Amino acid sequence: MAELSRPWSGTVTGDAGPYS
């Protein structure tokens, strides 16, 4: 889960939000 350590630039959800 490297996405959690990175600023929200469309990681988990593909949107600029806190993987919710």
PDB file of N, CA and C in Angstrom:
ATOM      1  N   MET A   1       0.833  -1.210   0.000  1.00  0.00           N
ATOM      2  CA  MET A   1       0.000   0.000   0.000  1.00  0.00           C
ATOM      3  C   MET A   1       0.863   1.253   0.000  1.00  0.00           C
ATOM      4  N   ALA A   2       1.563   1.480  -1.060  1.00  0.00           N
ATOM      5  CA  ALA A   2       2.427   2.652  -1.138  1.00  0.00           C
ATOM      6  C   ALA A   2       1.589   3.910  -1.348  1.00  0.00           C
ATOM      7  N   GLU A   3       0.349   3.698  -1.794  1.00  0.00           N
ATOM      8  CA  GLU A   3      -0.535   4.831  -2.088  1.00  0.00           C
ATOM      9  C   GLU A   3      -0.867   5.604  -0.814  1.00  0.00           C
ATOM     10  N   LEU A   4      -0.880   4.900   0.320  1.00  0.00           N
ATOM     11  CA  LEU A   4      -1.244   5.535   1.572  1.00  0.00           C
ATOM     12  C   LEU A   4      -0.160   6.489   2.060  1.00  0.00           C
ATOM     13  N   SER A   5       1.041   6.272   1.559  1.00  0.00           N
ATOM     14  CA  SER A   5       2.160   7.107   1.978  1.00  0.00           C
ATOM     15  C   SER A   5       2.341   8.300   1.051  1.00  0.00           C
ATOM     16  N   ARG A   6       1.552   8.306  -0.022  1.00  0.00           N
ATOM     17  CA  ARG A   6       1.697   9.380  -1.006  1.00  0.00           C
ATOM     18  C   ARG A   6       0.546  10.361  -0.908  1.00  0.00           C
ATOM     19  N   PRO A   7       0.765  11.592  -1.372  1.00  0.00           N
ATOM     20  CA  PRO A   7      -0.307  12.591  -1.410  1.00  0.00           C
ATOM     21  C   PRO A   7      -1.414  12.131  -2.353  1.00  0.00           C
ATOM     22  N   TRP A   8      -2.625  12.491  -2.062  1.00  0.00           N
ATOM     23  CA  TRP A   8      -3.764  11.991  -2.822  1.00  0.00           C
ATOM     24  C   TRP A   8      -3.820  12.582  -4.222  1.00  0.00           C
ATOM     25  N   SER A   9      -3.222  11.882  -5.155  1.00  0.00           N
ATOM     26  CA  SER A   9      -3.268  12.335  -6.546  1.00  0.00           C
ATOM     27  C   SER A   9      -3.877  11.249  -7.411  1.00  0.00           C
ATOM     28  N   GLY A  10      -5.051  10.780  -6.968  1.00  0.00           N
ATOM     29  CA  GLY A  10      -5.735   9.743  -7.732  1.00  0.00           C
ATOM     30  C   GLY A  10      -5.055   8.404  -7.594  1.00  0.00           C
ATOM     31  N   THR A  11      -5.050   7.853  -6.380  1.00  0.00           N
ATOM     32  CA  THR A  11      -4.345   6.598  -6.143  1.00  0.00           C
ATOM     33  C   THR A  11      -5.300   5.416  -6.054  1.00  0.00           C
ATOM     34  N   VAL A  12      -5.952   5.269  -4.909  1.00  0.00           N
ATOM     35  CA  VAL A  12      -6.807   4.113  -4.681  1.00  0.00           C
ATOM     36  C   VAL A  12      -8.133   4.235  -5.428  1.00  0.00           C
ATOM     37  N   THR A  13      -8.801   5.349  -5.224  1.00  0.00           N
ATOM     38  CA  THR A  13     -10.116   5.539  -5.832  1.00  0.00           C
ATOM     39  C   THR A  13     -10.005   6.108  -7.236  1.00  0.00           C
ATOM     40  N   GLY A  14      -8.818   6.625  -7.576  1.00  0.00           N
ATOM     41  CA  GLY A  14      -8.627   7.241  -8.873  1.00  0.00           C
ATOM     42  C   GLY A  14      -9.056   8.695  -8.824  1.00  0.00           C
ATOM     43  N   ASP A  15      -9.326   9.168  -7.615  1.00  0.00           N
ATOM     44  CA  ASP A  15      -9.770  10.534  -7.412  1.00  0.00           C
ATOM     45  C   ASP A  15      -8.875  11.177  -6.362  1.00  0.00           C
ATOM     46  N   ALA A  16      -8.962  12.482  -6.207  1.00  0.00           N
ATOM     47  CA  ALA A  16      -8.112  13.167  -5.237  1.00  0.00           C
ATOM     48  C   ALA A  16      -8.752  13.117  -3.853  1.00  0.00           C
ATOM     49  N   GLY A  17      -8.954  11.918  -3.337  1.00  0.00           N
ATOM     50  CA  GLY A  17      -9.591  11.766  -2.034  1.00  0.00           C
ATOM     51  C   GLY A  17      -8.864  10.740  -1.180  1.00  0.00           C
ATOM     52  N   PRO A  18      -9.107  10.735   0.111  1.00  0.00           N
ATOM     53  CA  PRO A  18      -8.441   9.827   1.061  1.00  0.00           C
ATOM     54  C   PRO A  18      -8.947   8.392   0.960  1.00  0.00           C
ATOM     55  N   TYR A  19      -8.584   7.710  -0.105  1.00  0.00           N
ATOM     56  CA  TYR A  19      -8.901   6.313  -0.358  1.00  0.00           C
ATOM     57  C   TYR A  19     -10.232   5.821   0.221  1.00  0.00           C
ATOM     58  N   SER A  20     -11.234   6.667   0.272  1.00  0.00           N
ATOM     59  CA  SER A  20     -12.514   6.245   0.844  1.00  0.00           C
ATOM     60  C   SER A  20     -13.417   5.726  -0.266  1.00  0.00           C
TER      61      SER A  20
END
